[in-house]
Amino acid sequence: VLGGMMGVSNPDATTGAIVAAIGTSTS
């Protein structure tokens, strides 16, 4: 669903596992 967007993740964050993505076009 987030393919083509710039994504970042942190599986070891203090609060839990984090995933984020943002793009200029709508999915």
PDB file of all heavy atoms in Angstrom:
ATOM      1  N   VAL A   1       0.837  -1.206   0.000  1.00  0.00           N
ATOM      2  CA  VAL A   1       0.000   0.000   0.000  1.00  0.00           C
ATOM      3  C   VAL A   1       0.870   1.253   0.000  1.00  0.00           C
ATOM      4  O   VAL A   1       0.520   2.272  -0.600  1.00  0.00           O
ATOM      5  CB  VAL A   1      -0.968   0.008   1.203  1.00  0.00           C
ATOM      6  CG1 VAL A   1      -1.672   1.342   1.344  1.00  0.00           C
ATOM      7  CG2 VAL A   1      -1.987  -1.116   1.057  1.00  0.00           C
ATOM      8  N   LEU A   2       2.013   1.184   0.659  1.00  0.00           N
ATOM      9  CA  LEU A   2       2.920   2.335   0.763  1.00  0.00           C
ATOM     10  C   LEU A   2       4.049   2.272  -0.265  1.00  0.00           C
ATOM     11  O   LEU A   2       4.979   3.073  -0.213  1.00  0.00           O
ATOM     12  CB  LEU A   2       3.502   2.412   2.181  1.00  0.00           C
ATOM     13  CG  LEU A   2       2.480   2.484   3.312  1.00  0.00           C
ATOM     14  CD1 LEU A   2       3.178   2.494   4.660  1.00  0.00           C
ATOM     15  CD2 LEU A   2       1.577   3.690   3.152  1.00  0.00           C
ATOM     16  N   GLY A   3       3.956   1.348  -1.214  1.00  0.00           N
ATOM     17  CA  GLY A   3       4.970   1.210  -2.256  1.00  0.00           C
ATOM     18  C   GLY A   3       5.146   2.506  -3.036  1.00  0.00           C
ATOM     19  O   GLY A   3       4.180   3.195  -3.346  1.00  0.00           O
ATOM     20  N   GLY A   4       6.381   2.885  -3.295  1.00  0.00           N
ATOM     21  CA  GLY A   4       6.673   4.115  -4.011  1.00  0.00           C
ATOM     22  C   GLY A   4       6.804   5.326  -3.110  1.00  0.00           C
ATOM     23  O   GLY A   4       7.189   6.406  -3.545  1.00  0.00           O
ATOM     24  N   MET A   5       6.468   5.169  -1.831  1.00  0.00           N
ATOM     25  CA  MET A   5       6.621   6.259  -0.870  1.00  0.00           C
ATOM     26  C   MET A   5       7.978   6.125  -0.168  1.00  0.00           C
ATOM     27  O   MET A   5       8.548   5.040  -0.101  1.00  0.00           O
ATOM     28  CB  MET A   5       5.515   6.230   0.181  1.00  0.00           C
ATOM     29  CG  MET A   5       4.148   6.491  -0.374  1.00  0.00           C
ATOM     30  SD  MET A   5       2.925   6.547   0.965  1.00  0.00           S
ATOM     31  CE  MET A   5       1.419   6.650   0.007  1.00  0.00           C
ATOM     32  N   MET A   6       8.484   7.235   0.352  1.00  0.00           N
ATOM     33  CA  MET A   6       9.710   7.187   1.129  1.00  0.00           C
ATOM     34  C   MET A   6       9.350   6.668   2.518  1.00  0.00           C
ATOM     35  O   MET A   6       8.514   7.255   3.211  1.00  0.00           O
ATOM     36  CB  MET A   6      10.341   8.574   1.231  1.00  0.00           C
ATOM     37  CG  MET A   6      11.656   8.553   1.990  1.00  0.00           C
ATOM     38  SD  MET A   6      12.549  10.127   1.977  1.00  0.00           S
ATOM     39  CE  MET A   6      11.393  11.205   2.793  1.00  0.00           C
ATOM     40  N   GLY A   7       9.934   5.554   2.908  1.00  0.00           N
ATOM     41  CA  GLY A   7       9.601   4.935   4.177  1.00  0.00           C
ATOM     42  C   GLY A   7      10.789   4.806   5.102  1.00  0.00           C
ATOM     43  O   GLY A   7      11.936   4.721   4.657  1.00  0.00           O
ATOM     44  N   VAL A   8      10.499   4.818   6.381  1.00  0.00           N
ATOM     45  CA  VAL A   8      11.511   4.589   7.415  1.00  0.00           C
ATOM     46  C   VAL A   8      10.918   3.658   8.462  1.00  0.00           C
ATOM     47  O   VAL A   8       9.701   3.602   8.641  1.00  0.00           O
ATOM     48  CB  VAL A   8      11.987   5.901   8.088  1.00  0.00           C
ATOM     49  CG1 VAL A   8      12.693   6.802   7.104  1.00  0.00           C
ATOM     50  CG2 VAL A   8      10.837   6.636   8.744  1.00  0.00           C
ATOM     51  N   SER A   9      11.791   2.944   9.135  1.00  0.00           N
ATOM     52  CA  SER A   9      11.322   2.074  10.206  1.00  0.00           C
ATOM     53  C   SER A   9      12.364   1.990  11.303  1.00  0.00           C
ATOM     54  O   SER A   9      13.550   2.226  11.076  1.00  0.00           O
ATOM     55  CB  SER A   9      11.014   0.672   9.667  1.00  0.00           C
ATOM     56  OG  SER A   9      12.202   0.046   9.213  1.00  0.00           O
ATOM     57  N   ASN A  10      11.890   1.672  12.500  1.00  0.00           N
ATOM     58  CA  ASN A  10      12.755   1.445  13.640  1.00  0.00           C
ATOM     59  C   ASN A  10      12.142   0.304  14.446  1.00  0.00           C
ATOM     60  O   ASN A  10      11.233   0.534  15.249  1.00  0.00           O
ATOM     61  CB  ASN A  10      12.899   2.703  14.495  1.00  0.00           C
ATOM     62  CG  ASN A  10      13.867   2.508  15.646  1.00  0.00           C
ATOM     63  OD1 ASN A  10      14.307   1.400  15.923  1.00  0.00           O
ATOM     64  ND2 ASN A  10      14.192   3.586  16.321  1.00  0.00           N
ATOM     65  N   PRO A  11      12.605  -0.918  14.223  1.00  0.00           N
ATOM     66  CA  PRO A  11      12.022  -2.052  14.941  1.00  0.00           C
ATOM     67  C   PRO A  11      12.400  -2.093  16.414  1.00  0.00           C
ATOM     68  O   PRO A  11      11.822  -2.859  17.171  1.00  0.00           O
ATOM     69  CB  PRO A  11      12.579  -3.265  14.198  1.00  0.00           C
ATOM     70  CG  PRO A  11      13.829  -2.781  13.559  1.00  0.00           C
ATOM     71  CD  PRO A  11      13.608  -1.323  13.250  1.00  0.00           C
ATOM     72  N   ASP A  12      13.351  -1.269  16.846  1.00  0.00           N
ATOM     73  CA  ASP A  12      13.855  -1.332  18.207  1.00  0.00           C
ATOM     74  C   ASP A  12      13.678  -0.017  18.978  1.00  0.00           C
ATOM     75  O   ASP A  12      14.455   0.293  19.872  1.00  0.00           O
ATOM     76  CB  ASP A  12      15.330  -1.728  18.180  1.00  0.00           C
ATOM     77  CG  ASP A  12      15.836  -2.218  19.523  1.00  0.00           C
ATOM     78  OD1 ASP A  12      15.044  -2.834  20.258  1.00  0.00           O
ATOM     79  OD2 ASP A  12      17.009  -1.962  19.839  1.00  0.00           O
ATOM     80  N   ALA A  13      12.667   0.776  18.637  1.00  0.00           N
ATOM     81  CA  ALA A  13      12.425   2.033  19.345  1.00  0.00           C
ATOM     82  C   ALA A  13      11.987   1.754  20.779  1.00  0.00           C
ATOM     83  O   ALA A  13      11.440   0.701  21.081  1.00  0.00           O
ATOM     84  CB  ALA A  13      11.359   2.851  18.624  1.00  0.00           C
ATOM     85  N   THR A  14      12.203   2.688  21.653  1.00  0.00           N
ATOM     86  CA  THR A  14      11.856   2.535  23.069  1.00  0.00           C
ATOM     87  C   THR A  14      10.366   2.268  23.273  1.00  0.00           C
ATOM     88  O   THR A  14       9.988   1.461  24.113  1.00  0.00           O
ATOM     89  CB  THR A  14      12.255   3.807  23.854  1.00  0.00           C
ATOM     90  OG1 THR A  14      13.640   4.041  23.637  1.00  0.00           O
ATOM     91  CG2 THR A  14      11.983   3.647  25.321  1.00  0.00           C
ATOM     92  N   THR A  15       9.515   2.920  22.488  1.00  0.00           N
ATOM     93  CA  THR A  15       8.065   2.798  22.650  1.00  0.00           C
ATOM     94  C   THR A  15       7.467   1.606  21.919  1.00  0.00           C
ATOM     95  O   THR A  15       6.294   1.297  22.084  1.00  0.00           O
ATOM     96  CB  THR A  15       7.373   4.074  22.150  1.00  0.00           C
ATOM     97  OG1 THR A  15       7.745   4.297  20.786  1.00  0.00           O
ATOM     98  CG2 THR A  15       7.761   5.270  22.994  1.00  0.00           C
ATOM     99  N   GLY A  16       8.233   0.943  21.067  1.00  0.00           N
ATOM    100  CA  GLY A  16       7.761  -0.180  20.271  1.00  0.00           C
ATOM    101  C   GLY A  16       8.399  -0.125  18.904  1.00  0.00           C
ATOM    102  O   GLY A  16       9.367   0.600  18.683  1.00  0.00           O
ATOM    103  N   ALA A  17       7.870  -0.876  17.958  1.00  0.00           N
ATOM    104  CA  ALA A  17       8.373  -0.867  16.586  1.00  0.00           C
ATOM    105  C   ALA A  17       7.635   0.202  15.790  1.00  0.00           C
ATOM    106  O   ALA A  17       6.410   0.278  15.846  1.00  0.00           O
ATOM    107  CB  ALA A  17       8.186  -2.235  15.947  1.00  0.00           C
ATOM    108  N   ILE A  18       8.380   1.022  15.057  1.00  0.00           N
ATOM    109  CA  ILE A  18       7.787   2.152  14.329  1.00  0.00           C
ATOM    110  C   ILE A  18       7.985   1.979  12.831  1.00  0.00           C
ATOM    111  O   ILE A  18       9.070   1.613  12.371  1.00  0.00           O
ATOM    112  CB  ILE A  18       8.424   3.480  14.774  1.00  0.00           C
ATOM    113  CG1 ILE A  18       8.204   3.694  16.271  1.00  0.00           C
ATOM    114  CG2 ILE A  18       7.870   4.649  13.972  1.00  0.00           C
ATOM    115  CD1 ILE A  18       8.986   4.867  16.842  1.00  0.00           C
ATOM    116  N   VAL A  19       6.927   2.279  12.075  1.00  0.00           N
ATOM    117  CA  VAL A  19       6.982   2.344  10.613  1.00  0.00           C
ATOM    118  C   VAL A  19       6.319   3.642  10.190  1.00  0.00           C
ATOM    119  O   VAL A  19       5.265   4.013  10.710  1.00  0.00           O
ATOM    120  CB  VAL A  19       6.253   1.148   9.956  1.00  0.00           C
ATOM    121  CG1 VAL A  19       6.129   1.333   8.456  1.00  0.00           C
ATOM    122  CG2 VAL A  19       6.966  -0.154  10.259  1.00  0.00           C
ATOM    123  N   ALA A  20       6.939   4.345   9.234  1.00  0.00           N
ATOM    124  CA  ALA A  20       6.366   5.590   8.710  1.00  0.00           C
ATOM    125  C   ALA A  20       6.716   5.701   7.229  1.00  0.00           C
ATOM    126  O   ALA A  20       7.757   5.211   6.790  1.00  0.00           O
ATOM    127  CB  ALA A  20       6.899   6.792   9.468  1.00  0.00           C
ATOM    128  N   ALA A  21       5.841   6.327   6.475  1.00  0.00           N
ATOM    129  CA  ALA A  21       6.082   6.561   5.051  1.00  0.00           C
ATOM    130  C   ALA A  21       5.298   7.783   4.608  1.00  0.00           C
ATOM    131  O   ALA A  21       4.241   8.091   5.162  1.00  0.00           O
ATOM    132  CB  ALA A  21       5.653   5.349   4.226  1.00  0.00           C
ATOM    133  N   ILE A  22       5.830   8.459   3.618  1.00  0.00           N
ATOM    134  CA  ILE A  22       5.142   9.621   3.047  1.00  0.00           C
ATOM    135  C   ILE A  22       5.468   9.688   1.561  1.00  0.00           C
ATOM    136  O   ILE A  22       6.550   9.307   1.132  1.00  0.00           O
ATOM    137  CB  ILE A  22       5.538  10.925   3.779  1.00  0.00           C
ATOM    138  CG1 ILE A  22       4.610  12.068   3.360  1.00  0.00           C
ATOM    139  CG2 ILE A  22       6.998  11.264   3.559  1.00  0.00           C
ATOM    140  CD1 ILE A  22       4.664  13.255   4.291  1.00  0.00           C
ATOM    141  N   GLY A  23       4.500  10.176   0.780  1.00  0.00           N
ATOM    142  CA  GLY A  23       4.698  10.285  -0.657  1.00  0.00           C
ATOM    143  C   GLY A  23       4.003  11.506  -1.220  1.00  0.00           C
ATOM    144  O   GLY A  23       3.172  12.129  -0.560  1.00  0.00           O
ATOM    145  N   THR A  24       4.334  11.837  -2.447  1.00  0.00           N
ATOM    146  CA  THR A  24       3.721  12.986  -3.103  1.00  0.00           C
ATOM    147  C   THR A  24       2.478  12.601  -3.889  1.00  0.00           C
ATOM    148  O   THR A  24       1.675  13.459  -4.230  1.00  0.00           O
ATOM    149  CB  THR A  24       4.727  13.668  -4.056  1.00  0.00           C
ATOM    150  OG1 THR A  24       5.196  12.706  -5.004  1.00  0.00           O
ATOM    151  CG2 THR A  24       5.890  14.248  -3.280  1.00  0.00           C
ATOM    152  N   SER A  25       2.309  11.306  -4.162  1.00  0.00           N
ATOM    153  CA  SER A  25       1.104  10.863  -4.867  1.00  0.00           C
ATOM    154  C   SER A  25       0.241  10.040  -3.906  1.00  0.00           C
ATOM    155  O   SER A  25       0.719   9.483  -2.927  1.00  0.00           O
ATOM    156  CB  SER A  25       1.468  10.041  -6.097  1.00  0.00           C
ATOM    157  OG  SER A  25       2.217   8.909  -5.724  1.00  0.00           O
ATOM    158  N   THR A  26      -1.042   9.976  -4.199  1.00  0.00           N
ATOM    159  CA  THR A  26      -2.006   9.286  -3.343  1.00  0.00           C
ATOM    160  C   THR A  26      -2.097   7.816  -3.711  1.00  0.00           C
ATOM    161  O   THR A  26      -2.233   7.468  -4.877  1.00  0.00           O
ATOM    162  CB  THR A  26      -3.391   9.943  -3.485  1.00  0.00           C
ATOM    163  OG1 THR A  26      -3.268  11.318  -3.129  1.00  0.00           O
ATOM    164  CG2 THR A  26      -4.413   9.280  -2.597  1.00  0.00           C
ATOM    165  N   SER A  27      -2.047   6.960  -2.700  1.00  0.00           N
ATOM    166  CA  SER A  27      -2.232   5.526  -2.884  1.00  0.00           C
ATOM    167  C   SER A  27      -3.668   5.162  -2.534  1.00  0.00           C
ATOM    168  O   SER A  27      -4.150   5.517  -1.459  1.00  0.00           O
ATOM    169  CB  SER A  27      -1.271   4.741  -1.990  1.00  0.00           C
ATOM    170  OG  SER A  27      -1.595   3.354  -2.012  1.00  0.00           O
TER     171      SER A  27
END
